[in-house]
Amino acid sequence: MLPPQIPIFPLPNAVLFPNVFLPLHIFEPRYREMVADALAGDRVIGMVLLRPGYQADYEGRPSVYPVGCAGLITHSEILADGRYNIMLRGIEKFRIVSEQSDRSYRLAQVEVLPELLTEADRAAIKRDRNRIEALLAAAIERMGAGPRIPPAVPDEDLVNALAQYVQLDPIERQALLERDGVASRCRGLIELLEMNTMTPRGVSWKDSVH
C-alpha cells in the first residue's frame, strides 16, 4: 500500500510505469537527502515529469504533471562523494493532491490510482500483443537485429515496459501513463507505434521487467 505522503523526484525525460525498473544516478544534494531519507524509511520515491518551461525555476519547485508512478528502491549504492546509484521498481500510479515545503526536496500528499485488470481487459491485451510484437519485429528487422521480447513476459508487463523504453517523446510517454488502465495504454501504444514506426531502445528485459 502506498503511503499517503511520499517524496517526489521530478525529471524532464523519465516516466516510470508499474512493475518496470528504472536505474537512476542521484547527484544533486537535495535528492541525495531524499534518497537517504527513503532508504531509512519505506524506500518509496514518486517519479513525476516536469512540465515544459521548467528550466526557468529548476532550482525551485517547477510545475510537474500531477500523475506519476511511485517506485520502490530495490538496489542502492552510495559512492565515495555522496552520490547514489539506485534502481527503482514501479509499484503504483498516483495523483498529487498537495505538496509540503519543509524539506530541501519535494514531499507530496498523493492518492493512489489503481490499475485493476478485468478479464475483458486481459483478453483485449492478449489479442493486441500480437500486433505490438509484429510492429516491433518489423522495426527491429530494419535495424538488422532479431526481436528480443521474451515470450514469458506477462502481457501487462510487456505493455508497461514498452511504454517506458521505446523511443517516445516524454509527453507521449506521460500520456500513456495517464491512460485509464493497461488495456487503454496498450491501445495508445499501438497507435504511437503505427504512427511513428519507432524502434526500441536497447533494453535488458531481465533488468527492466520484474
N, C-alpha and C. Protein backbone atom coordinates (compact mmCIF):
# COMPACT_ATOMS: atom_id res chain seq x y z
N MET A 1 0.85 -1.20 0.00
CA MET A 1 0.00 0.00 0.00
C MET A 1 0.88 1.24 0.00
N LEU A 2 0.58 2.18 -0.88
CA LEU A 2 1.38 3.38 -1.00
C LEU A 2 1.12 4.32 0.18
N PRO A 3 2.19 4.86 0.82
CA PRO A 3 1.99 5.82 1.90
C PRO A 3 1.24 7.05 1.38
N PRO A 4 0.48 7.74 2.23
CA PRO A 4 -0.25 8.93 1.78
C PRO A 4 0.66 10.10 1.45
N GLN A 5 1.88 10.11 1.98
CA GLN A 5 2.85 11.16 1.69
C GLN A 5 4.15 10.53 1.22
N ILE A 6 4.63 10.97 0.06
CA ILE A 6 5.86 10.41 -0.49
C ILE A 6 6.73 11.53 -1.05
N PRO A 7 8.06 11.33 -1.08
CA PRO A 7 8.92 12.29 -1.79
C PRO A 7 8.69 12.13 -3.28
N ILE A 8 8.75 13.23 -4.00
CA ILE A 8 8.63 13.15 -5.46
C ILE A 8 9.92 13.64 -6.10
N PHE A 9 10.29 12.98 -7.17
CA PHE A 9 11.53 13.25 -7.89
C PHE A 9 11.15 13.68 -9.30
N PRO A 10 11.15 14.98 -9.59
CA PRO A 10 10.77 15.46 -10.92
C PRO A 10 11.96 15.44 -11.88
N LEU A 11 11.74 14.87 -13.05
CA LEU A 11 12.76 14.84 -14.10
C LEU A 11 12.13 15.27 -15.43
N PRO A 12 12.94 15.76 -16.37
CA PRO A 12 12.39 16.26 -17.63
C PRO A 12 12.15 15.18 -18.68
N ASN A 13 12.66 13.97 -18.47
CA ASN A 13 12.58 12.99 -19.56
C ASN A 13 12.34 11.56 -19.11
N ALA A 14 12.07 11.33 -17.84
CA ALA A 14 11.87 9.97 -17.34
C ALA A 14 10.46 9.80 -16.79
N VAL A 15 9.77 8.76 -17.27
CA VAL A 15 8.44 8.40 -16.79
C VAL A 15 8.50 6.94 -16.36
N LEU A 16 8.12 6.66 -15.13
CA LEU A 16 8.13 5.30 -14.59
C LEU A 16 6.75 4.67 -14.74
N PHE A 17 6.73 3.36 -15.02
CA PHE A 17 5.48 2.61 -15.14
C PHE A 17 5.46 1.47 -14.13
N PRO A 18 4.26 1.04 -13.71
CA PRO A 18 4.17 -0.05 -12.73
C PRO A 18 4.90 -1.32 -13.19
N ASN A 19 5.63 -1.90 -12.27
CA ASN A 19 6.33 -3.18 -12.46
C ASN A 19 7.46 -3.11 -13.49
N VAL A 20 7.97 -1.90 -13.74
CA VAL A 20 9.11 -1.73 -14.63
C VAL A 20 10.25 -1.11 -13.82
N PHE A 21 11.47 -1.47 -14.17
CA PHE A 21 12.65 -0.98 -13.45
C PHE A 21 13.22 0.25 -14.12
N LEU A 22 13.75 1.16 -13.30
CA LEU A 22 14.36 2.39 -13.78
C LEU A 22 15.64 2.66 -12.99
N PRO A 23 16.82 2.62 -13.65
CA PRO A 23 18.06 2.97 -12.96
C PRO A 23 18.23 4.48 -12.91
N LEU A 24 18.71 5.00 -11.80
CA LEU A 24 18.89 6.44 -11.63
C LEU A 24 20.24 6.73 -10.96
N HIS A 25 20.85 7.81 -11.42
CA HIS A 25 22.06 8.32 -10.79
C HIS A 25 21.69 9.62 -10.07
N ILE A 26 21.89 9.67 -8.77
CA ILE A 26 21.45 10.80 -7.95
C ILE A 26 22.66 11.63 -7.54
N PHE A 27 22.68 12.90 -7.98
CA PHE A 27 23.87 13.72 -7.69
C PHE A 27 23.55 15.06 -7.03
N GLU A 28 22.34 15.60 -7.22
CA GLU A 28 22.04 16.88 -6.58
C GLU A 28 21.90 16.70 -5.08
N PRO A 29 22.42 17.63 -4.26
CA PRO A 29 22.35 17.47 -2.80
C PRO A 29 20.95 17.23 -2.26
N ARG A 30 19.94 17.95 -2.79
CA ARG A 30 18.58 17.78 -2.26
C ARG A 30 18.04 16.38 -2.53
N TYR A 31 18.44 15.81 -3.66
CA TYR A 31 17.94 14.47 -3.97
C TYR A 31 18.79 13.38 -3.33
N ARG A 32 20.04 13.70 -3.00
CA ARG A 32 20.81 12.78 -2.16
C ARG A 32 20.14 12.65 -0.80
N GLU A 33 19.68 13.79 -0.26
CA GLU A 33 18.97 13.77 1.01
C GLU A 33 17.69 12.97 0.89
N MET A 34 16.98 13.14 -0.22
CA MET A 34 15.75 12.41 -0.46
C MET A 34 16.00 10.90 -0.44
N VAL A 35 17.03 10.47 -1.14
CA VAL A 35 17.33 9.04 -1.21
C VAL A 35 17.74 8.51 0.17
N ALA A 36 18.57 9.27 0.88
CA ALA A 36 18.98 8.84 2.22
C ALA A 36 17.77 8.67 3.13
N ASP A 37 16.84 9.62 3.07
CA ASP A 37 15.64 9.52 3.90
C ASP A 37 14.77 8.33 3.47
N ALA A 38 14.66 8.11 2.17
CA ALA A 38 13.86 6.99 1.67
C ALA A 38 14.47 5.66 2.11
N LEU A 39 15.78 5.54 2.02
CA LEU A 39 16.45 4.29 2.42
C LEU A 39 16.29 4.03 3.91
N ALA A 40 16.20 5.11 4.69
CA ALA A 40 16.00 4.95 6.13
C ALA A 40 14.54 4.69 6.49
N GLY A 41 13.66 4.83 5.51
CA GLY A 41 12.22 4.64 5.76
C GLY A 41 11.64 3.53 4.91
N ASP A 42 10.61 3.86 4.12
CA ASP A 42 9.90 2.83 3.36
C ASP A 42 10.45 2.59 1.96
N ARG A 43 11.52 3.30 1.58
CA ARG A 43 12.23 3.11 0.31
C ARG A 43 11.39 3.49 -0.91
N VAL A 44 10.38 4.34 -0.72
CA VAL A 44 9.48 4.72 -1.82
C VAL A 44 9.80 6.13 -2.30
N ILE A 45 9.85 6.30 -3.62
CA ILE A 45 10.03 7.60 -4.26
C ILE A 45 9.02 7.71 -5.39
N GLY A 46 8.37 8.86 -5.52
CA GLY A 46 7.43 9.08 -6.60
C GLY A 46 8.08 9.80 -7.77
N MET A 47 8.05 9.19 -8.93
CA MET A 47 8.61 9.81 -10.14
C MET A 47 7.52 10.63 -10.84
N VAL A 48 7.86 11.89 -11.16
CA VAL A 48 6.93 12.75 -11.88
C VAL A 48 7.68 13.47 -13.00
N LEU A 49 6.96 13.84 -14.04
CA LEU A 49 7.55 14.51 -15.19
C LEU A 49 7.40 16.02 -15.06
N LEU A 50 8.50 16.73 -15.31
CA LEU A 50 8.47 18.20 -15.32
C LEU A 50 7.70 18.69 -16.54
N ARG A 51 6.93 19.75 -16.35
CA ARG A 51 6.22 20.36 -17.48
C ARG A 51 7.19 21.21 -18.30
N PRO A 52 6.91 21.40 -19.59
CA PRO A 52 7.76 22.27 -20.41
C PRO A 52 7.89 23.65 -19.77
N GLY A 53 9.09 24.23 -19.89
CA GLY A 53 9.37 25.52 -19.29
C GLY A 53 9.95 25.43 -17.89
N TYR A 54 10.23 24.21 -17.43
CA TYR A 54 10.74 24.01 -16.06
C TYR A 54 12.09 24.69 -15.83
N GLN A 55 12.84 24.95 -16.92
CA GLN A 55 14.20 25.48 -16.76
C GLN A 55 14.22 26.82 -16.01
N ALA A 56 13.17 27.60 -16.15
CA ALA A 56 13.14 28.92 -15.52
C ALA A 56 13.13 28.84 -14.00
N ASP A 57 12.68 27.69 -13.45
CA ASP A 57 12.58 27.58 -11.99
C ASP A 57 13.11 26.22 -11.52
N TYR A 58 14.11 25.68 -12.23
CA TYR A 58 14.54 24.33 -11.91
C TYR A 58 15.06 24.20 -10.48
N GLU A 59 15.77 25.19 -10.00
CA GLU A 59 16.32 25.12 -8.64
C GLU A 59 15.24 25.27 -7.57
N GLY A 60 14.05 25.71 -7.96
CA GLY A 60 12.95 25.85 -7.01
C GLY A 60 12.00 24.68 -7.09
N ARG A 61 10.74 24.99 -7.35
CA ARG A 61 9.71 23.94 -7.43
C ARG A 61 8.91 24.13 -8.72
N PRO A 62 9.52 23.79 -9.85
CA PRO A 62 8.82 23.97 -11.13
C PRO A 62 7.60 23.08 -11.24
N SER A 63 6.72 23.45 -12.14
CA SER A 63 5.46 22.73 -12.33
C SER A 63 5.72 21.32 -12.87
N VAL A 64 4.95 20.37 -12.35
CA VAL A 64 5.04 18.98 -12.79
C VAL A 64 3.65 18.48 -13.19
N TYR A 65 3.63 17.42 -13.98
CA TYR A 65 2.36 16.76 -14.28
C TYR A 65 1.86 16.10 -13.00
N PRO A 66 0.56 16.15 -12.73
CA PRO A 66 0.05 15.67 -11.44
C PRO A 66 0.03 14.16 -11.29
N VAL A 67 0.09 13.42 -12.40
CA VAL A 67 0.05 11.96 -12.33
C VAL A 67 1.46 11.41 -12.49
N GLY A 68 1.85 10.56 -11.54
CA GLY A 68 3.16 9.94 -11.60
C GLY A 68 3.07 8.48 -11.19
N CYS A 69 4.23 7.86 -11.02
CA CYS A 69 4.27 6.46 -10.59
C CYS A 69 5.30 6.35 -9.46
N ALA A 70 4.90 5.74 -8.38
CA ALA A 70 5.80 5.52 -7.25
C ALA A 70 6.66 4.30 -7.52
N GLY A 71 7.92 4.39 -7.07
CA GLY A 71 8.84 3.28 -7.22
C GLY A 71 9.45 2.88 -5.89
N LEU A 72 9.78 1.62 -5.77
CA LEU A 72 10.45 1.09 -4.59
C LEU A 72 11.93 0.92 -4.91
N ILE A 73 12.80 1.44 -4.05
CA ILE A 73 14.24 1.27 -4.25
C ILE A 73 14.60 -0.19 -3.95
N THR A 74 14.96 -0.92 -4.99
CA THR A 74 15.31 -2.33 -4.83
C THR A 74 16.81 -2.54 -4.65
N HIS A 75 17.61 -1.64 -5.19
CA HIS A 75 19.06 -1.70 -5.04
C HIS A 75 19.58 -0.28 -4.88
N SER A 76 20.64 -0.12 -4.09
CA SER A 76 21.24 1.20 -3.92
C SER A 76 22.74 1.05 -3.70
N GLU A 77 23.47 2.04 -4.18
CA GLU A 77 24.91 2.09 -3.99
C GLU A 77 25.30 3.54 -3.71
N ILE A 78 25.94 3.79 -2.59
CA ILE A 78 26.41 5.14 -2.31
C ILE A 78 27.87 5.24 -2.72
N LEU A 79 28.19 6.29 -3.45
CA LEU A 79 29.55 6.49 -3.95
C LEU A 79 30.37 7.31 -2.96
N ALA A 80 31.67 7.35 -3.17
CA ALA A 80 32.57 7.99 -2.21
C ALA A 80 32.26 9.46 -2.00
N ASP A 81 31.74 10.13 -3.03
CA ASP A 81 31.46 11.57 -2.92
C ASP A 81 30.03 11.86 -2.49
N GLY A 82 29.26 10.82 -2.11
CA GLY A 82 27.90 11.04 -1.62
C GLY A 82 26.82 10.87 -2.66
N ARG A 83 27.21 10.68 -3.92
CA ARG A 83 26.20 10.41 -4.94
C ARG A 83 25.67 8.98 -4.77
N TYR A 84 24.51 8.72 -5.40
CA TYR A 84 23.90 7.39 -5.31
C TYR A 84 23.63 6.84 -6.71
N ASN A 85 23.76 5.55 -6.85
CA ASN A 85 23.16 4.81 -7.95
C ASN A 85 22.06 3.96 -7.34
N ILE A 86 20.84 4.09 -7.87
CA ILE A 86 19.73 3.32 -7.33
C ILE A 86 18.95 2.66 -8.46
N MET A 87 18.19 1.65 -8.10
CA MET A 87 17.26 1.02 -9.03
C MET A 87 15.87 1.10 -8.42
N LEU A 88 14.93 1.66 -9.19
CA LEU A 88 13.54 1.73 -8.76
C LEU A 88 12.71 0.70 -9.51
N ARG A 89 11.77 0.09 -8.82
CA ARG A 89 10.76 -0.74 -9.47
C ARG A 89 9.40 -0.08 -9.30
N GLY A 90 8.76 0.23 -10.40
CA GLY A 90 7.46 0.87 -10.34
C GLY A 90 6.46 0.02 -9.57
N ILE A 91 5.70 0.67 -8.68
CA ILE A 91 4.73 -0.09 -7.89
C ILE A 91 3.29 0.39 -8.10
N GLU A 92 3.04 1.71 -8.00
CA GLU A 92 1.65 2.18 -8.13
C GLU A 92 1.61 3.58 -8.74
N LYS A 93 0.57 3.78 -9.54
CA LYS A 93 0.33 5.10 -10.12
C LYS A 93 -0.37 5.97 -9.08
N PHE A 94 -0.09 7.28 -9.11
CA PHE A 94 -0.70 8.18 -8.13
C PHE A 94 -1.00 9.53 -8.77
N ARG A 95 -1.82 10.32 -8.06
CA ARG A 95 -2.07 11.71 -8.41
C ARG A 95 -1.66 12.59 -7.22
N ILE A 96 -0.96 13.68 -7.50
CA ILE A 96 -0.56 14.62 -6.45
C ILE A 96 -1.78 15.41 -6.01
N VAL A 97 -2.01 15.44 -4.71
CA VAL A 97 -3.11 16.21 -4.13
C VAL A 97 -2.62 17.56 -3.64
N SER A 98 -1.47 17.56 -2.97
CA SER A 98 -0.87 18.80 -2.46
C SER A 98 0.59 18.53 -2.17
N GLU A 99 1.33 19.62 -1.90
CA GLU A 99 2.76 19.49 -1.60
C GLU A 99 3.10 20.22 -0.30
N GLN A 100 4.15 19.72 0.36
CA GLN A 100 4.72 20.40 1.52
C GLN A 100 6.06 21.02 1.12
N SER A 101 6.48 22.01 1.88
CA SER A 101 7.71 22.72 1.53
C SER A 101 8.68 22.83 2.70
N ASP A 102 8.67 21.84 3.60
CA ASP A 102 9.53 21.92 4.77
C ASP A 102 10.80 21.08 4.63
N ARG A 103 11.07 20.56 3.44
CA ARG A 103 12.29 19.81 3.18
C ARG A 103 13.02 20.44 1.99
N SER A 104 14.27 20.04 1.81
CA SER A 104 15.01 20.53 0.65
C SER A 104 14.45 19.94 -0.64
N TYR A 105 13.90 18.74 -0.55
CA TYR A 105 13.26 18.09 -1.69
C TYR A 105 11.74 18.20 -1.54
N ARG A 106 11.02 17.72 -2.52
CA ARG A 106 9.57 17.91 -2.55
C ARG A 106 8.85 16.70 -1.95
N LEU A 107 7.92 16.98 -1.05
CA LEU A 107 7.06 15.96 -0.45
C LEU A 107 5.63 16.21 -0.90
N ALA A 108 4.93 15.17 -1.29
CA ALA A 108 3.58 15.34 -1.80
C ALA A 108 2.59 14.42 -1.10
N GLN A 109 1.41 14.95 -0.85
CA GLN A 109 0.28 14.12 -0.46
C GLN A 109 -0.30 13.55 -1.75
N VAL A 110 -0.49 12.23 -1.78
CA VAL A 110 -0.92 11.60 -3.03
C VAL A 110 -2.12 10.69 -2.80
N GLU A 111 -2.85 10.47 -3.88
CA GLU A 111 -3.90 9.46 -3.88
C GLU A 111 -3.54 8.40 -4.91
N VAL A 112 -3.74 7.15 -4.54
CA VAL A 112 -3.42 6.04 -5.43
C VAL A 112 -4.43 5.97 -6.57
N LEU A 113 -3.93 5.66 -7.76
CA LEU A 113 -4.78 5.45 -8.93
C LEU A 113 -4.65 3.98 -9.33
N PRO A 114 -5.49 3.11 -8.77
CA PRO A 114 -5.36 1.67 -9.03
C PRO A 114 -5.55 1.34 -10.51
N GLU A 115 -4.82 0.36 -10.99
CA GLU A 115 -4.98 -0.12 -12.36
C GLU A 115 -5.41 -1.59 -12.29
N LEU A 116 -6.70 -1.79 -12.06
CA LEU A 116 -7.24 -3.13 -11.94
C LEU A 116 -7.53 -3.70 -13.33
N LEU A 117 -7.19 -4.97 -13.51
CA LEU A 117 -7.40 -5.63 -14.79
C LEU A 117 -8.60 -6.58 -14.70
N THR A 118 -9.60 -6.32 -15.52
CA THR A 118 -10.72 -7.24 -15.63
C THR A 118 -10.35 -8.36 -16.60
N GLU A 119 -11.16 -9.41 -16.62
CA GLU A 119 -10.93 -10.49 -17.57
C GLU A 119 -11.05 -9.98 -19.00
N ALA A 120 -11.95 -9.04 -19.23
CA ALA A 120 -12.10 -8.46 -20.56
C ALA A 120 -10.84 -7.69 -20.95
N ASP A 121 -10.26 -6.95 -19.97
CA ASP A 121 -9.02 -6.23 -20.23
C ASP A 121 -7.90 -7.20 -20.60
N ARG A 122 -7.78 -8.27 -19.83
CA ARG A 122 -6.71 -9.24 -20.08
C ARG A 122 -6.86 -9.86 -21.47
N ALA A 123 -8.09 -10.15 -21.85
CA ALA A 123 -8.33 -10.74 -23.18
C ALA A 123 -7.97 -9.74 -24.28
N ALA A 124 -8.31 -8.46 -24.07
CA ALA A 124 -8.00 -7.44 -25.08
C ALA A 124 -6.50 -7.26 -25.23
N ILE A 125 -5.78 -7.21 -24.11
CA ILE A 125 -4.33 -7.05 -24.17
C ILE A 125 -3.68 -8.26 -24.84
N LYS A 126 -4.20 -9.44 -24.53
CA LYS A 126 -3.65 -10.66 -25.15
C LYS A 126 -3.82 -10.62 -26.66
N ARG A 127 -4.97 -10.14 -27.13
CA ARG A 127 -5.20 -10.03 -28.58
C ARG A 127 -4.25 -8.99 -29.18
N ASP A 128 -4.07 -7.88 -28.47
CA ASP A 128 -3.25 -6.78 -29.01
C ASP A 128 -1.76 -7.09 -28.96
N ARG A 129 -1.35 -8.03 -28.13
CA ARG A 129 0.07 -8.34 -28.01
C ARG A 129 0.66 -8.75 -29.36
N ASN A 130 -0.08 -9.54 -30.13
CA ASN A 130 0.42 -9.97 -31.44
C ASN A 130 0.71 -8.77 -32.34
N ARG A 131 -0.16 -7.77 -32.28
CA ARG A 131 0.04 -6.57 -33.11
C ARG A 131 1.28 -5.81 -32.65
N ILE A 132 1.45 -5.68 -31.35
CA ILE A 132 2.62 -4.99 -30.82
C ILE A 132 3.89 -5.71 -31.23
N GLU A 133 3.92 -7.03 -31.08
CA GLU A 133 5.12 -7.78 -31.41
C GLU A 133 5.43 -7.69 -32.90
N ALA A 134 4.40 -7.67 -33.74
CA ALA A 134 4.62 -7.55 -35.18
C ALA A 134 5.22 -6.19 -35.53
N LEU A 135 4.69 -5.13 -34.90
CA LEU A 135 5.23 -3.79 -35.15
C LEU A 135 6.68 -3.69 -34.71
N LEU A 136 6.99 -4.24 -33.54
CA LEU A 136 8.36 -4.18 -33.04
C LEU A 136 9.30 -5.04 -33.87
N ALA A 137 8.83 -6.23 -34.28
CA ALA A 137 9.67 -7.11 -35.08
C ALA A 137 10.04 -6.45 -36.41
N ALA A 138 9.07 -5.77 -37.03
CA ALA A 138 9.35 -5.08 -38.30
C ALA A 138 10.37 -3.98 -38.10
N ALA A 139 10.23 -3.24 -37.00
CA ALA A 139 11.17 -2.15 -36.74
C ALA A 139 12.57 -2.69 -36.46
N ILE A 140 12.66 -3.75 -35.67
CA ILE A 140 13.96 -4.31 -35.32
C ILE A 140 14.62 -4.94 -36.54
N GLU A 141 13.82 -5.58 -37.40
CA GLU A 141 14.36 -6.20 -38.61
C GLU A 141 15.03 -5.17 -39.50
N ARG A 142 14.46 -3.97 -39.56
CA ARG A 142 15.06 -2.91 -40.36
C ARG A 142 16.43 -2.51 -39.83
N MET A 143 16.65 -2.78 -38.52
CA MET A 143 17.94 -2.46 -37.91
C MET A 143 18.93 -3.61 -38.04
N GLY A 144 18.48 -4.74 -38.61
CA GLY A 144 19.36 -5.87 -38.78
C GLY A 144 19.53 -6.72 -37.55
N ALA A 145 18.57 -6.67 -36.63
CA ALA A 145 18.64 -7.47 -35.41
C ALA A 145 17.32 -8.20 -35.24
N GLY A 146 17.36 -9.26 -34.49
CA GLY A 146 16.16 -10.05 -34.27
C GLY A 146 15.36 -9.54 -33.09
N PRO A 147 14.07 -9.84 -33.03
CA PRO A 147 13.24 -9.43 -31.89
C PRO A 147 13.80 -9.97 -30.58
N ARG A 148 13.66 -9.17 -29.52
CA ARG A 148 14.19 -9.57 -28.22
C ARG A 148 13.10 -9.47 -27.15
N ILE A 149 11.94 -9.99 -27.45
CA ILE A 149 10.84 -9.96 -26.49
C ILE A 149 10.63 -11.36 -25.95
N PRO A 150 11.05 -11.64 -24.74
CA PRO A 150 10.84 -12.98 -24.19
C PRO A 150 9.35 -13.31 -24.10
N PRO A 151 8.94 -14.46 -24.60
CA PRO A 151 7.51 -14.80 -24.58
C PRO A 151 6.95 -14.96 -23.16
N ALA A 152 7.85 -15.18 -22.18
CA ALA A 152 7.37 -15.38 -20.81
C ALA A 152 6.94 -14.08 -20.12
N VAL A 153 7.26 -12.92 -20.70
CA VAL A 153 6.88 -11.66 -20.08
C VAL A 153 5.36 -11.53 -20.11
N PRO A 154 4.71 -11.35 -18.95
CA PRO A 154 3.24 -11.19 -18.95
C PRO A 154 2.79 -10.03 -19.82
N ASP A 155 1.61 -10.14 -20.39
CA ASP A 155 1.12 -9.15 -21.35
C ASP A 155 1.13 -7.74 -20.78
N GLU A 156 0.61 -7.56 -19.55
CA GLU A 156 0.53 -6.21 -18.99
C GLU A 156 1.91 -5.64 -18.69
N ASP A 157 2.86 -6.51 -18.28
CA ASP A 157 4.22 -6.04 -18.02
C ASP A 157 4.91 -5.65 -19.32
N LEU A 158 4.63 -6.37 -20.39
CA LEU A 158 5.19 -6.02 -21.70
C LEU A 158 4.72 -4.64 -22.12
N VAL A 159 3.42 -4.38 -21.98
CA VAL A 159 2.88 -3.06 -22.36
C VAL A 159 3.57 -1.96 -21.56
N ASN A 160 3.66 -2.13 -20.24
CA ASN A 160 4.27 -1.09 -19.41
C ASN A 160 5.75 -0.90 -19.72
N ALA A 161 6.47 -2.01 -19.95
CA ALA A 161 7.89 -1.91 -20.25
C ALA A 161 8.13 -1.20 -21.58
N LEU A 162 7.33 -1.52 -22.59
CA LEU A 162 7.48 -0.85 -23.88
C LEU A 162 7.09 0.62 -23.79
N ALA A 163 6.05 0.93 -23.01
CA ALA A 163 5.67 2.33 -22.83
C ALA A 163 6.82 3.13 -22.22
N GLN A 164 7.62 2.47 -21.39
CA GLN A 164 8.74 3.16 -20.75
C GLN A 164 10.00 3.19 -21.62
N TYR A 165 10.21 2.17 -22.45
CA TYR A 165 11.52 2.02 -23.09
C TYR A 165 11.56 2.20 -24.60
N VAL A 166 10.43 2.24 -25.31
CA VAL A 166 10.53 2.57 -26.73
C VAL A 166 10.81 4.06 -26.87
N GLN A 167 11.26 4.44 -28.05
CA GLN A 167 11.64 5.83 -28.28
C GLN A 167 10.39 6.68 -28.45
N LEU A 168 10.06 7.40 -27.39
CA LEU A 168 8.89 8.27 -27.38
C LEU A 168 9.28 9.63 -26.83
N ASP A 169 8.53 10.64 -27.22
CA ASP A 169 8.66 11.93 -26.58
C ASP A 169 8.17 11.80 -25.14
N PRO A 170 8.84 12.45 -24.17
CA PRO A 170 8.39 12.33 -22.78
C PRO A 170 6.92 12.65 -22.57
N ILE A 171 6.38 13.61 -23.32
CA ILE A 171 4.97 13.95 -23.14
C ILE A 171 4.07 12.84 -23.67
N GLU A 172 4.50 12.15 -24.73
CA GLU A 172 3.74 10.99 -25.21
C GLU A 172 3.78 9.88 -24.17
N ARG A 173 4.93 9.70 -23.55
CA ARG A 173 5.06 8.68 -22.51
C ARG A 173 4.16 9.01 -21.32
N GLN A 174 4.12 10.30 -20.96
CA GLN A 174 3.26 10.75 -19.87
C GLN A 174 1.80 10.48 -20.21
N ALA A 175 1.42 10.72 -21.45
CA ALA A 175 0.03 10.47 -21.86
C ALA A 175 -0.31 8.99 -21.74
N LEU A 176 0.64 8.12 -22.02
CA LEU A 176 0.40 6.69 -21.85
C LEU A 176 0.23 6.34 -20.38
N LEU A 177 1.06 6.93 -19.52
CA LEU A 177 0.91 6.68 -18.08
C LEU A 177 -0.47 7.10 -17.59
N GLU A 178 -0.97 8.23 -18.10
CA GLU A 178 -2.25 8.76 -17.63
C GLU A 178 -3.45 8.02 -18.20
N ARG A 179 -3.23 7.12 -19.16
CA ARG A 179 -4.34 6.34 -19.70
C ARG A 179 -5.06 5.58 -18.58
N ASP A 180 -6.33 5.35 -18.77
CA ASP A 180 -7.15 4.71 -17.75
C ASP A 180 -7.00 3.20 -17.81
N GLY A 181 -5.88 2.71 -17.30
CA GLY A 181 -5.65 1.28 -17.24
C GLY A 181 -4.74 0.77 -18.33
N VAL A 182 -4.28 -0.48 -18.15
CA VAL A 182 -3.29 -1.06 -19.05
C VAL A 182 -3.88 -1.36 -20.42
N ALA A 183 -5.15 -1.77 -20.49
CA ALA A 183 -5.76 -2.06 -21.78
C ALA A 183 -5.81 -0.80 -22.65
N SER A 184 -6.19 0.33 -22.05
CA SER A 184 -6.20 1.59 -22.78
C SER A 184 -4.78 2.00 -23.16
N ARG A 185 -3.82 1.78 -22.26
CA ARG A 185 -2.42 2.10 -22.54
C ARG A 185 -1.91 1.27 -23.72
N CYS A 186 -2.33 0.02 -23.77
CA CYS A 186 -1.93 -0.85 -24.87
C CYS A 186 -2.42 -0.31 -26.21
N ARG A 187 -3.67 0.14 -26.24
CA ARG A 187 -4.21 0.70 -27.49
C ARG A 187 -3.46 1.97 -27.88
N GLY A 188 -3.15 2.80 -26.88
CA GLY A 188 -2.41 4.02 -27.17
C GLY A 188 -1.00 3.74 -27.68
N LEU A 189 -0.37 2.72 -27.12
CA LEU A 189 0.97 2.35 -27.55
C LEU A 189 0.96 1.87 -29.00
N ILE A 190 -0.03 1.06 -29.35
CA ILE A 190 -0.14 0.60 -30.74
C ILE A 190 -0.31 1.78 -31.68
N GLU A 191 -1.15 2.74 -31.31
CA GLU A 191 -1.36 3.91 -32.17
C GLU A 191 -0.05 4.67 -32.39
N LEU A 192 0.74 4.84 -31.32
CA LEU A 192 2.01 5.55 -31.46
C LEU A 192 3.00 4.77 -32.31
N LEU A 193 3.06 3.46 -32.12
CA LEU A 193 3.97 2.64 -32.92
C LEU A 193 3.57 2.68 -34.39
N GLU A 194 2.29 2.63 -34.66
CA GLU A 194 1.83 2.65 -36.05
C GLU A 194 2.10 4.00 -36.70
N MET A 195 1.95 5.07 -35.93
CA MET A 195 2.15 6.41 -36.50
C MET A 195 3.62 6.72 -36.74
N ASN A 196 4.47 6.26 -35.87
CA ASN A 196 5.85 6.74 -35.88
C ASN A 196 6.89 5.72 -36.30
N THR A 197 6.48 4.46 -36.53
CA THR A 197 7.42 3.40 -36.88
C THR A 197 8.68 3.49 -36.03
N MET A 198 8.48 3.51 -34.70
CA MET A 198 9.58 3.70 -33.77
C MET A 198 10.33 2.40 -33.55
N THR A 199 11.55 2.53 -33.10
CA THR A 199 12.37 1.38 -32.78
C THR A 199 12.69 1.41 -31.30
N PRO A 200 12.79 0.22 -30.67
CA PRO A 200 13.04 0.19 -29.23
C PRO A 200 14.47 0.55 -28.88
N ARG A 201 14.65 1.15 -27.73
CA ARG A 201 15.98 1.37 -27.20
C ARG A 201 16.57 0.04 -26.80
N GLY A 202 17.88 0.04 -26.56
CA GLY A 202 18.49 -1.17 -26.04
C GLY A 202 17.98 -1.43 -24.64
N VAL A 203 17.27 -2.54 -24.45
CA VAL A 203 16.67 -2.84 -23.16
C VAL A 203 17.13 -4.21 -22.70
N SER A 204 17.56 -4.31 -21.48
CA SER A 204 17.81 -5.61 -20.87
C SER A 204 16.53 -6.03 -20.15
N TRP A 205 15.79 -6.96 -20.75
CA TRP A 205 14.50 -7.33 -20.19
C TRP A 205 14.64 -7.90 -18.79
N LYS A 206 15.76 -8.54 -18.50
CA LYS A 206 15.99 -9.08 -17.17
C LYS A 206 15.96 -7.97 -16.13
N ASP A 207 16.51 -6.79 -16.50
CA ASP A 207 16.59 -5.67 -15.55
C ASP A 207 15.38 -4.75 -15.63
N SER A 208 14.58 -4.86 -16.68
CA SER A 208 13.51 -3.90 -16.90
C SER A 208 12.15 -4.37 -16.42
N VAL A 209 11.90 -5.66 -16.50
CA VAL A 209 10.59 -6.19 -16.15
C VAL A 209 10.75 -7.17 -15.00
N HIS A 210 9.95 -7.00 -13.98
CA HIS A 210 10.02 -7.89 -12.82
C HIS A 210 9.37 -9.21 -13.14
